[in-house]
Amino acid sequence: MSLKRAPHGVPALYPSTVQKVSYTDSSAACTNAFGDDTEVVRIVATTACYVQFAASPTATSSDFYLPADAVEYFNVTPGTKVAAIRVSTTSGTLCVCEMA
């Protein structure tokens, strides 16, 4: 992956495929694996959750903690997925955007 130059010469990644994952007290994963050219994803959750990246992920309370409304970027391996599980009693949605 190479950074593209946006107007004014600023290096940038562009949003590509978007998936939404509704998570509860049970782990839920995105439906589709990340594309062959995907090396970076941007994620944000509507409520606090734990997330895991793997070929067949199952998120648990031992995984990475993601606070509500925190935008994070992760390097990923093409062909993997992300899963989330809620921290408290409030379920939420994880928005996952592959960056190109």
PDB file of N, CA and C in Angstrom:
ATOM      1  N   MET A   1       0.854  -1.169   0.000  1.00  0.00           N
ATOM      2  CA  MET A   1       0.000   0.000   0.000  1.00  0.00           C
ATOM      3  C   MET A   1       0.898   1.230   0.000  1.00  0.00           C
ATOM      4  N   SER A   2       0.553   2.178  -0.793  1.00  0.00           N
ATOM      5  CA  SER A   2       1.291   3.434  -0.781  1.00  0.00           C
ATOM      6  C   SER A   2       0.324   4.571  -0.497  1.00  0.00           C
ATOM      7  N   LEU A   3       0.816   5.548   0.222  1.00  0.00           N
ATOM      8  CA  LEU A   3      -0.019   6.710   0.508  1.00  0.00           C
ATOM      9  C   LEU A   3      -0.203   7.520  -0.757  1.00  0.00           C
ATOM     10  N   LYS A   4      -1.397   7.952  -0.979  1.00  0.00           N
ATOM     11  CA  LYS A   4      -1.674   8.806  -2.119  1.00  0.00           C
ATOM     12  C   LYS A   4      -1.529  10.255  -1.666  1.00  0.00           C
ATOM     13  N   ARG A   5      -1.267  11.136  -2.585  1.00  0.00           N
ATOM     14  CA  ARG A   5      -1.150  12.557  -2.270  1.00  0.00           C
ATOM     15  C   ARG A   5      -2.477  13.237  -2.554  1.00  0.00           C
ATOM     16  N   ALA A   6      -3.063  13.769  -1.508  1.00  0.00           N
ATOM     17  CA  ALA A   6      -4.301  14.527  -1.648  1.00  0.00           C
ATOM     18  C   ALA A   6      -3.938  15.924  -2.142  1.00  0.00           C
ATOM     19  N   PRO A   7      -4.937  16.757  -2.450  1.00  0.00           N
ATOM     20  CA  PRO A   7      -4.633  18.134  -2.836  1.00  0.00           C
ATOM     21  C   PRO A   7      -3.736  18.791  -1.790  1.00  0.00           C
ATOM     22  N   HIS A   8      -2.877  19.629  -2.204  1.00  0.00           N
ATOM     23  CA  HIS A   8      -1.924  20.344  -1.354  1.00  0.00           C
ATOM     24  C   HIS A   8      -0.784  19.452  -0.882  1.00  0.00           C
ATOM     25  N   GLY A   9      -0.624  18.245  -1.492  1.00  0.00           N
ATOM     26  CA  GLY A   9       0.516  17.394  -1.194  1.00  0.00           C
ATOM     27  C   GLY A   9       0.467  16.656   0.132  1.00  0.00           C
ATOM     28  N   VAL A  10      -0.680  16.589   0.792  1.00  0.00           N
ATOM     29  CA  VAL A  10      -0.781  15.906   2.081  1.00  0.00           C
ATOM     30  C   VAL A  10      -0.981  14.415   1.842  1.00  0.00           C
ATOM     31  N   PRO A  11      -0.116  13.534   2.431  1.00  0.00           N
ATOM     32  CA  PRO A  11      -0.326  12.094   2.273  1.00  0.00           C
ATOM     33  C   PRO A  11      -1.651  11.693   2.919  1.00  0.00           C
ATOM     34  N   ALA A  12      -2.390  10.803   2.270  1.00  0.00           N
ATOM     35  CA  ALA A  12      -3.695  10.433   2.806  1.00  0.00           C
ATOM     36  C   ALA A  12      -4.071   9.014   2.409  1.00  0.00           C
ATOM     37  N   LEU A  13      -4.907   8.415   3.225  1.00  0.00           N
ATOM     38  CA  LEU A  13      -5.561   7.162   2.899  1.00  0.00           C
ATOM     39  C   LEU A  13      -7.001   7.489   2.535  1.00  0.00           C
ATOM     40  N   TYR A  14      -7.569   6.726   1.625  1.00  0.00           N
ATOM     41  CA  TYR A  14      -8.933   6.980   1.195  1.00  0.00           C
ATOM     42  C   TYR A  14      -9.868   5.889   1.713  1.00  0.00           C
ATOM     43  N   PRO A  15     -11.069   6.258   2.161  1.00  0.00           N
ATOM     44  CA  PRO A  15     -12.026   5.251   2.610  1.00  0.00           C
ATOM     45  C   PRO A  15     -12.460   4.360   1.457  1.00  0.00           C
ATOM     46  N   SER A  16     -12.651   3.087   1.789  1.00  0.00           N
ATOM     47  CA  SER A  16     -13.050   2.108   0.783  1.00  0.00           C
ATOM     48  C   SER A  16     -14.273   1.354   1.307  1.00  0.00           C
ATOM     49  N   THR A  17     -14.192   0.061   1.403  1.00  0.00           N
ATOM     50  CA  THR A  17     -15.317  -0.770   1.846  1.00  0.00           C
ATOM     51  C   THR A  17     -15.670  -0.493   3.305  1.00  0.00           C
ATOM     52  N   VAL A  18     -16.967  -0.360   3.591  1.00  0.00           N
ATOM     53  CA  VAL A  18     -17.448  -0.116   4.954  1.00  0.00           C
ATOM     54  C   VAL A  18     -18.340  -1.280   5.384  1.00  0.00           C
ATOM     55  N   GLN A  19     -18.130  -1.734   6.621  1.00  0.00           N
ATOM     56  CA  GLN A  19     -18.987  -2.755   7.220  1.00  0.00           C
ATOM     57  C   GLN A  19     -19.406  -2.278   8.605  1.00  0.00           C
ATOM     58  N   LYS A  20     -20.592  -2.674   9.023  1.00  0.00           N
ATOM     59  CA  LYS A  20     -21.064  -2.364  10.368  1.00  0.00           C
ATOM     60  C   LYS A  20     -21.344  -3.671  11.096  1.00  0.00           C
ATOM     61  N   VAL A  21     -20.924  -3.724  12.365  1.00  0.00           N
ATOM     62  CA  VAL A  21     -21.098  -4.915  13.178  1.00  0.00           C
ATOM     63  C   VAL A  21     -21.909  -4.531  14.408  1.00  0.00           C
ATOM     64  N   SER A  22     -23.071  -5.140  14.571  1.00  0.00           N
ATOM     65  CA  SER A  22     -23.885  -4.915  15.771  1.00  0.00           C
ATOM     66  C   SER A  22     -23.438  -5.919  16.822  1.00  0.00           C
ATOM     67  N   TYR A  23     -22.957  -5.418  17.967  1.00  0.00           N
ATOM     68  CA  TYR A  23     -22.448  -6.311  19.006  1.00  0.00           C
ATOM     69  C   TYR A  23     -23.303  -6.203  20.272  1.00  0.00           C
ATOM     70  N   THR A  24     -23.346  -7.293  21.016  1.00  0.00           N
ATOM     71  CA  THR A  24     -24.115  -7.395  22.254  1.00  0.00           C
ATOM     72  C   THR A  24     -23.214  -8.031  23.308  1.00  0.00           C
ATOM     73  N   ASP A  25     -23.806  -8.832  24.190  1.00  0.00           N
ATOM     74  CA  ASP A  25     -22.999  -9.548  25.174  1.00  0.00           C
ATOM     75  C   ASP A  25     -22.393 -10.819  24.583  1.00  0.00           C
ATOM     76  N   SER A  26     -22.640 -11.057  23.289  1.00  0.00           N
ATOM     77  CA  SER A  26     -22.005 -12.136  22.541  1.00  0.00           C
ATOM     78  C   SER A  26     -21.138 -11.517  21.450  1.00  0.00           C
ATOM     79  N   SER A  27     -20.000 -12.116  21.203  1.00  0.00           N
ATOM     80  CA  SER A  27     -19.099 -11.610  20.168  1.00  0.00           C
ATOM     81  C   SER A  27     -19.767 -11.653  18.803  1.00  0.00           C
ATOM     82  N   ALA A  28     -19.560 -10.603  18.019  1.00  0.00           N
ATOM     83  CA  ALA A  28     -20.061 -10.538  16.641  1.00  0.00           C
ATOM     84  C   ALA A  28     -18.936 -10.051  15.742  1.00  0.00           C
ATOM     85  N   ALA A  29     -18.794 -10.676  14.586  1.00  0.00           N
ATOM     86  CA  ALA A  29     -17.722 -10.328  13.642  1.00  0.00           C
ATOM     87  C   ALA A  29     -18.303  -9.726  12.372  1.00  0.00           C
ATOM     88  N   CYS A  30     -17.455  -8.987  11.652  1.00  0.00           N
ATOM     89  CA  CYS A  30     -17.881  -8.461  10.357  1.00  0.00           C
ATOM     90  C   CYS A  30     -18.140  -9.644   9.420  1.00  0.00           C
ATOM     91  N   THR A  31     -19.024  -9.439   8.470  1.00  0.00           N
ATOM     92  CA  THR A  31     -19.442 -10.518   7.568  1.00  0.00           C
ATOM     93  C   THR A  31     -18.340 -10.909   6.597  1.00  0.00           C
ATOM     94  N   ASN A  32     -17.682  -9.902   6.028  1.00  0.00           N
ATOM     95  CA  ASN A  32     -16.683 -10.149   4.991  1.00  0.00           C
ATOM     96  C   ASN A  32     -15.266  -9.925   5.506  1.00  0.00           C
ATOM     97  N   ALA A  33     -14.360 -10.779   5.075  1.00  0.00           N
ATOM     98  CA  ALA A  33     -12.947 -10.597   5.400  1.00  0.00           C
ATOM     99  C   ALA A  33     -12.417  -9.355   4.686  1.00  0.00           C
ATOM    100  N   PHE A  34     -11.364  -8.756   5.236  1.00  0.00           N
ATOM    101  CA  PHE A  34     -10.749  -7.587   4.617  1.00  0.00           C
ATOM    102  C   PHE A  34     -10.177  -7.969   3.254  1.00  0.00           C
ATOM    103  N   GLY A  35     -10.244  -7.024   2.322  1.00  0.00           N
ATOM    104  CA  GLY A  35      -9.804  -7.257   0.954  1.00  0.00           C
ATOM    105  C   GLY A  35      -8.324  -7.554   0.820  1.00  0.00           C
ATOM    106  N   ASP A  36      -7.957  -8.101  -0.336  1.00  0.00           N
ATOM    107  CA  ASP A  36      -6.575  -8.500  -0.607  1.00  0.00           C
ATOM    108  C   ASP A  36      -5.587  -7.341  -0.538  1.00  0.00           C
ATOM    109  N   ASP A  37      -6.046  -6.122  -0.773  1.00  0.00           N
ATOM    110  CA  ASP A  37      -5.161  -4.961  -0.758  1.00  0.00           C
ATOM    111  C   ASP A  37      -5.275  -4.143   0.529  1.00  0.00           C
ATOM    112  N   THR A  38      -6.064  -4.613   1.489  1.00  0.00           N
ATOM    113  CA  THR A  38      -6.289  -3.847   2.713  1.00  0.00           C
ATOM    114  C   THR A  38      -5.194  -4.102   3.735  1.00  0.00           C
ATOM    115  N   GLU A  39      -4.537  -3.032   4.150  1.00  0.00           N
ATOM    116  CA  GLU A  39      -3.502  -3.104   5.179  1.00  0.00           C
ATOM    117  C   GLU A  39      -3.845  -2.250   6.385  1.00  0.00           C
ATOM    118  N   VAL A  40      -4.817  -1.335   6.226  1.00  0.00           N
ATOM    119  CA  VAL A  40      -5.212  -0.437   7.310  1.00  0.00           C
ATOM    120  C   VAL A  40      -6.734  -0.374   7.364  1.00  0.00           C
ATOM    121  N   VAL A  41      -7.277  -0.433   8.585  1.00  0.00           N
ATOM    122  CA  VAL A  41      -8.705  -0.205   8.775  1.00  0.00           C
ATOM    123  C   VAL A  41      -8.890   0.894   9.812  1.00  0.00           C
ATOM    124  N   ARG A  42      -9.999   1.601   9.670  1.00  0.00           N
ATOM    125  CA  ARG A  42     -10.407   2.632  10.625  1.00  0.00           C
ATOM    126  C   ARG A  42     -11.640   2.082  11.321  1.00  0.00           C
ATOM    127  N   ILE A  43     -11.634   2.083  12.668  1.00  0.00           N
ATOM    128  CA  ILE A  43     -12.805   1.602  13.383  1.00  0.00           C
ATOM    129  C   ILE A  43     -13.239   2.623  14.434  1.00  0.00           C
ATOM    130  N   VAL A  44     -14.539   2.638  14.682  1.00  0.00           N
ATOM    131  CA  VAL A  44     -15.124   3.468  15.736  1.00  0.00           C
ATOM    132  C   VAL A  44     -16.379   2.736  16.213  1.00  0.00           C
ATOM    133  N   ALA A  45     -16.618   2.771  17.529  1.00  0.00           N
ATOM    134  CA  ALA A  45     -17.759   2.075  18.110  1.00  0.00           C
ATOM    135  C   ALA A  45     -18.684   3.066  18.804  1.00  0.00           C
ATOM    136  N   THR A  46     -19.971   2.766  18.790  1.00  0.00           N
ATOM    137  CA  THR A  46     -20.953   3.658  19.412  1.00  0.00           C
ATOM    138  C   THR A  46     -20.981   3.522  20.936  1.00  0.00           C
ATOM    139  N   THR A  47     -20.523   2.373  21.447  1.00  0.00           N
ATOM    140  CA  THR A  47     -20.386   2.163  22.896  1.00  0.00           C
ATOM    141  C   THR A  47     -19.051   1.468  23.145  1.00  0.00           C
ATOM    142  N   ALA A  48     -18.584   1.489  24.363  1.00  0.00           N
ATOM    143  CA  ALA A  48     -17.319   0.826  24.692  1.00  0.00           C
ATOM    144  C   ALA A  48     -17.415  -0.666  24.383  1.00  0.00           C
ATOM    145  N   CYS A  49     -16.338  -1.210  23.814  1.00  0.00           N
ATOM    146  CA  CYS A  49     -16.327  -2.627  23.462  1.00  0.00           C
ATOM    147  C   CYS A  49     -14.901  -3.163  23.496  1.00  0.00           C
ATOM    148  N   TYR A  50     -14.794  -4.479  23.376  1.00  0.00           N
ATOM    149  CA  TYR A  50     -13.509  -5.150  23.198  1.00  0.00           C
ATOM    150  C   TYR A  50     -13.481  -5.646  21.764  1.00  0.00           C
ATOM    151  N   VAL A  51     -12.318  -5.560  21.110  1.00  0.00           N
ATOM    152  CA  VAL A  51     -12.214  -5.995  19.719  1.00  0.00           C
ATOM    153  C   VAL A  51     -11.057  -6.962  19.532  1.00  0.00           C
ATOM    154  N   GLN A  52     -11.233  -7.839  18.547  1.00  0.00           N
ATOM    155  CA  GLN A  52     -10.188  -8.800  18.198  1.00  0.00           C
ATOM    156  C   GLN A  52     -10.122  -8.922  16.682  1.00  0.00           C
ATOM    157  N   PHE A  53      -8.895  -9.004  16.151  1.00  0.00           N
ATOM    158  CA  PHE A  53      -8.659  -9.217  14.728  1.00  0.00           C
ATOM    159  C   PHE A  53      -8.116 -10.629  14.548  1.00  0.00           C
ATOM    160  N   ALA A  54      -8.700 -11.398  13.635  1.00  0.00           N
ATOM    161  CA  ALA A  54      -8.237 -12.759  13.335  1.00  0.00           C
ATOM    162  C   ALA A  54      -8.982 -13.262  12.101  1.00  0.00           C
ATOM    163  N   ALA A  55      -8.596 -14.436  11.617  1.00  0.00           N
ATOM    164  CA  ALA A  55      -9.296 -15.029  10.477  1.00  0.00           C
ATOM    165  C   ALA A  55     -10.729 -15.383  10.858  1.00  0.00           C
ATOM    166  N   SER A  56     -10.918 -15.885  12.071  1.00  0.00           N
ATOM    167  CA  SER A  56     -12.246 -16.194  12.617  1.00  0.00           C
ATOM    168  C   SER A  56     -12.295 -15.661  14.044  1.00  0.00           C
ATOM    169  N   PRO A  57     -12.435 -14.345  14.216  1.00  0.00           N
ATOM    170  CA  PRO A  57     -12.293 -13.748  15.543  1.00  0.00           C
ATOM    171  C   PRO A  57     -13.493 -13.980  16.458  1.00  0.00           C
ATOM    172  N   THR A  58     -13.194 -14.102  17.746  1.00  0.00           N
ATOM    173  CA  THR A  58     -14.205 -14.125  18.798  1.00  0.00           C
ATOM    174  C   THR A  58     -13.697 -13.194  19.891  1.00  0.00           C
ATOM    175  N   ALA A  59     -14.310 -12.033  20.014  1.00  0.00           N
ATOM    176  CA  ALA A  59     -13.868 -11.042  20.994  1.00  0.00           C
ATOM    177  C   ALA A  59     -14.278 -11.464  22.405  1.00  0.00           C
ATOM    178  N   THR A  60     -13.390 -11.188  23.367  1.00  0.00           N
ATOM    179  CA  THR A  60     -13.662 -11.443  24.785  1.00  0.00           C
ATOM    180  C   THR A  60     -13.192 -10.234  25.586  1.00  0.00           C
ATOM    181  N   SER A  61     -13.465 -10.251  26.874  1.00  0.00           N
ATOM    182  CA  SER A  61     -13.040  -9.150  27.742  1.00  0.00           C
ATOM    183  C   SER A  61     -11.523  -9.107  27.929  1.00  0.00           C
ATOM    184  N   SER A  62     -10.802 -10.066  27.400  1.00  0.00           N
ATOM    185  CA  SER A  62      -9.331 -10.070  27.453  1.00  0.00           C
ATOM    186  C   SER A  62      -8.721  -9.350  26.258  1.00  0.00           C
ATOM    187  N   ASP A  63      -9.552  -8.952  25.303  1.00  0.00           N
ATOM    188  CA  ASP A  63      -9.049  -8.319  24.079  1.00  0.00           C
ATOM    189  C   ASP A  63      -8.912  -6.807  24.226  1.00  0.00           C
ATOM    190  N   PHE A  64      -8.521  -6.165  23.128  1.00  0.00           N
ATOM    191  CA  PHE A  64      -8.265  -4.721  23.094  1.00  0.00           C
ATOM    192  C   PHE A  64      -9.528  -3.942  23.442  1.00  0.00           C
ATOM    193  N   TYR A  65      -9.408  -3.036  24.393  1.00  0.00           N
ATOM    194  CA  TYR A  65     -10.525  -2.180  24.809  1.00  0.00           C
ATOM    195  C   TYR A  65     -10.615  -0.973  23.891  1.00  0.00           C
ATOM    196  N   LEU A  66     -11.797  -0.731  23.349  1.00  0.00           N
ATOM    197  CA  LEU A  66     -12.042   0.425  22.489  1.00  0.00           C
ATOM    198  C   LEU A  66     -13.129   1.282  23.136  1.00  0.00           C
ATOM    199  N   PRO A  67     -12.783   2.499  23.582  1.00  0.00           N
ATOM    200  CA  PRO A  67     -13.807   3.366  24.183  1.00  0.00           C
ATOM    201  C   PRO A  67     -14.833   3.823  23.142  1.00  0.00           C
ATOM    202  N   ALA A  68     -15.992   4.207  23.613  1.00  0.00           N
ATOM    203  CA  ALA A  68     -17.035   4.716  22.727  1.00  0.00           C
ATOM    204  C   ALA A  68     -16.553   5.958  21.985  1.00  0.00           C
ATOM    205  N   ASP A  69     -16.896   6.050  20.723  1.00  0.00           N
ATOM    206  CA  ASP A  69     -16.628   7.217  19.869  1.00  0.00           C
ATOM    207  C   ASP A  69     -15.150   7.523  19.658  1.00  0.00           C
ATOM    208  N   ALA A  70     -14.272   6.570  19.951  1.00  0.00           N
ATOM    209  CA  ALA A  70     -12.833   6.759  19.720  1.00  0.00           C
ATOM    210  C   ALA A  70     -12.481   6.202  18.343  1.00  0.00           C
ATOM    211  N   VAL A  71     -11.956   7.042  17.477  1.00  0.00           N
ATOM    212  CA  VAL A  71     -11.551   6.604  16.142  1.00  0.00           C
ATOM    213  C   VAL A  71     -10.135   6.045  16.228  1.00  0.00           C
ATOM    214  N   GLU A  72      -9.961   4.821  15.767  1.00  0.00           N
ATOM    215  CA  GLU A  72      -8.655   4.161  15.792  1.00  0.00           C
ATOM    216  C   GLU A  72      -8.344   3.592  14.411  1.00  0.00           C
ATOM    217  N   TYR A  73      -7.060   3.585  14.090  1.00  0.00           N
ATOM    218  CA  TYR A  73      -6.574   2.981  12.851  1.00  0.00           C
ATOM    219  C   TYR A  73      -5.697   1.792  13.225  1.00  0.00           C
ATOM    220  N   PHE A  74      -5.857   0.676  12.515  1.00  0.00           N
ATOM    221  CA  PHE A  74      -5.083  -0.535  12.792  1.00  0.00           C
ATOM    222  C   PHE A  74      -4.495  -1.085  11.510  1.00  0.00           C
ATOM    223  N   ASN A  75      -3.250  -1.548  11.584  1.00  0.00           N
ATOM    224  CA  ASN A  75      -2.675  -2.339  10.505  1.00  0.00           C
ATOM    225  C   ASN A  75      -3.296  -3.725  10.607  1.00  0.00           C
ATOM    226  N   VAL A  76      -3.721  -4.266   9.479  1.00  0.00           N
ATOM    227  CA  VAL A  76      -4.350  -5.579   9.461  1.00  0.00           C
ATOM    228  C   VAL A  76      -3.756  -6.433   8.352  1.00  0.00           C
ATOM    229  N   THR A  77      -4.021  -7.709   8.433  1.00  0.00           N
ATOM    230  CA  THR A  77      -3.611  -8.650   7.406  1.00  0.00           C
ATOM    231  C   THR A  77      -4.800  -8.884   6.476  1.00  0.00           C
ATOM    232  N   PRO A  78      -4.599  -8.775   5.165  1.00  0.00           N
ATOM    233  CA  PRO A  78      -5.703  -9.064   4.243  1.00  0.00           C
ATOM    234  C   PRO A  78      -6.287 -10.444   4.539  1.00  0.00           C
ATOM    235  N   GLY A  79      -7.601 -10.551   4.410  1.00  0.00           N
ATOM    236  CA  GLY A  79      -8.261 -11.830   4.645  1.00  0.00           C
ATOM    237  C   GLY A  79      -8.713 -12.056   6.083  1.00  0.00           C
ATOM    238  N   THR A  80      -8.362 -11.150   6.992  1.00  0.00           N
ATOM    239  CA  THR A  80      -8.816 -11.285   8.373  1.00  0.00           C
ATOM    240  C   THR A  80     -10.108 -10.504   8.577  1.00  0.00           C
ATOM    241  N   LYS A  81     -10.678 -10.631   9.774  1.00  0.00           N
ATOM    242  CA  LYS A  81     -11.904  -9.937  10.152  1.00  0.00           C
ATOM    243  C   LYS A  81     -11.707  -9.302  11.523  1.00  0.00           C
ATOM    244  N   VAL A  82     -12.691  -8.524  11.949  1.00  0.00           N
ATOM    245  CA  VAL A  82     -12.688  -7.958  13.293  1.00  0.00           C
ATOM    246  C   VAL A  82     -14.001  -8.353  13.967  1.00  0.00           C
ATOM    247  N   ALA A  83     -13.910  -8.620  15.281  1.00  0.00           N
ATOM    248  CA  ALA A  83     -15.095  -8.934  16.071  1.00  0.00           C
ATOM    249  C   ALA A  83     -15.129  -8.011  17.280  1.00  0.00           C
ATOM    250  N   ALA A  84     -16.332  -7.797  17.820  1.00  0.00           N
ATOM    251  CA  ALA A  84     -16.504  -6.935  18.989  1.00  0.00           C
ATOM    252  C   ALA A  84     -17.507  -7.552  19.954  1.00  0.00           C
ATOM    253  N   ILE A  85     -17.357  -7.179  21.234  1.00  0.00           N
ATOM    254  CA  ILE A  85     -18.292  -7.557  22.277  1.00  0.00           C
ATOM    255  C   ILE A  85     -18.413  -6.367  23.222  1.00  0.00           C
ATOM    256  N   ARG A  86     -19.602  -6.107  23.736  1.00  0.00           N
ATOM    257  CA  ARG A  86     -19.812  -4.925  24.570  1.00  0.00           C
ATOM    258  C   ARG A  86     -19.100  -5.062  25.922  1.00  0.00           C
ATOM    259  N   VAL A  87     -18.802  -3.905  26.527  1.00  0.00           N
ATOM    260  CA  VAL A  87     -18.165  -3.858  27.837  1.00  0.00           C
ATOM    261  C   VAL A  87     -19.215  -3.886  28.944  1.00  0.00           C
ATOM    262  N   SER A  88     -20.274  -3.113  28.794  1.00  0.00           N
ATOM    263  CA  SER A  88     -21.293  -3.006  29.843  1.00  0.00           C
ATOM    264  C   SER A  88     -22.611  -3.593  29.348  1.00  0.00           C
ATOM    265  N   THR A  89     -23.704  -3.070  29.825  1.00  0.00           N
ATOM    266  CA  THR A  89     -25.019  -3.590  29.426  1.00  0.00           C
ATOM    267  C   THR A  89     -25.569  -2.944  28.164  1.00  0.00           C
ATOM    268  N   THR A  90     -24.835  -1.986  27.613  1.00  0.00           N
ATOM    269  CA  THR A  90     -25.308  -1.272  26.429  1.00  0.00           C
ATOM    270  C   THR A  90     -24.657  -1.837  25.173  1.00  0.00           C
ATOM    271  N   SER A  91     -25.469  -2.401  24.291  1.00  0.00           N
ATOM    272  CA  SER A  91     -24.971  -2.924  23.015  1.00  0.00           C
ATOM    273  C   SER A  91     -24.643  -1.757  22.085  1.00  0.00           C
ATOM    274  N   GLY A  92     -23.971  -2.048  20.988  1.00  0.00           N
ATOM    275  CA  GLY A  92     -23.598  -0.971  20.080  1.00  0.00           C
ATOM    276  C   GLY A  92     -23.295  -1.456  18.680  1.00  0.00           C
ATOM    277  N   THR A  93     -22.728  -0.543  17.902  1.00  0.00           N
ATOM    278  CA  THR A  93     -22.353  -0.826  16.521  1.00  0.00           C
ATOM    279  C   THR A  93     -20.905  -0.427  16.301  1.00  0.00           C
ATOM    280  N   LEU A  94     -20.143  -1.344  15.704  1.00  0.00           N
ATOM    281  CA  LEU A  94     -18.760  -1.081  15.328  1.00  0.00           C
ATOM    282  C   LEU A  94     -18.759  -0.757  13.839  1.00  0.00           C
ATOM    283  N   CYS A  95     -18.260   0.415  13.489  1.00  0.00           N
ATOM    284  CA  CYS A  95     -18.142   0.822  12.088  1.00  0.00           C
ATOM    285  C   CYS A  95     -16.702   0.563  11.645  1.00  0.00           C
ATOM    286  N   VAL A  96     -16.546  -0.227  10.595  1.00  0.00           N
ATOM    287  CA  VAL A  96     -15.244  -0.655  10.114  1.00  0.00           C
ATOM    288  C   VAL A  96     -15.070  -0.161   8.680  1.00  0.00           C
ATOM    289  N   CYS A  97     -14.021   0.592   8.427  1.00  0.00           N
ATOM    290  CA  CYS A  97     -13.766   1.101   7.082  1.00  0.00           C
ATOM    291  C   CYS A  97     -12.373   0.683   6.631  1.00  0.00           C
ATOM    292  N   GLU A  98     -12.317  -0.059   5.530  1.00  0.00           N
ATOM    293  CA  GLU A  98     -11.037  -0.409   4.947  1.00  0.00           C
ATOM    294  C   GLU A  98     -10.476   0.852   4.284  1.00  0.00           C
ATOM    295  N   MET A  99      -9.193   1.097   4.493  1.00  0.00           N
ATOM    296  CA  MET A  99      -8.551   2.302   3.944  1.00  0.00           C
ATOM    297  C   MET A  99      -7.626   1.885   2.803  1.00  0.00           C
ATOM    298  N   ALA A 100      -7.698   2.632   1.703  1.00  0.00           N
ATOM    299  CA  ALA A 100      -6.887   2.314   0.525  1.00  0.00           C
ATOM    300  C   ALA A 100      -5.915   3.434   0.229  1.00  0.00           C
TER     301      ALA A 100
END
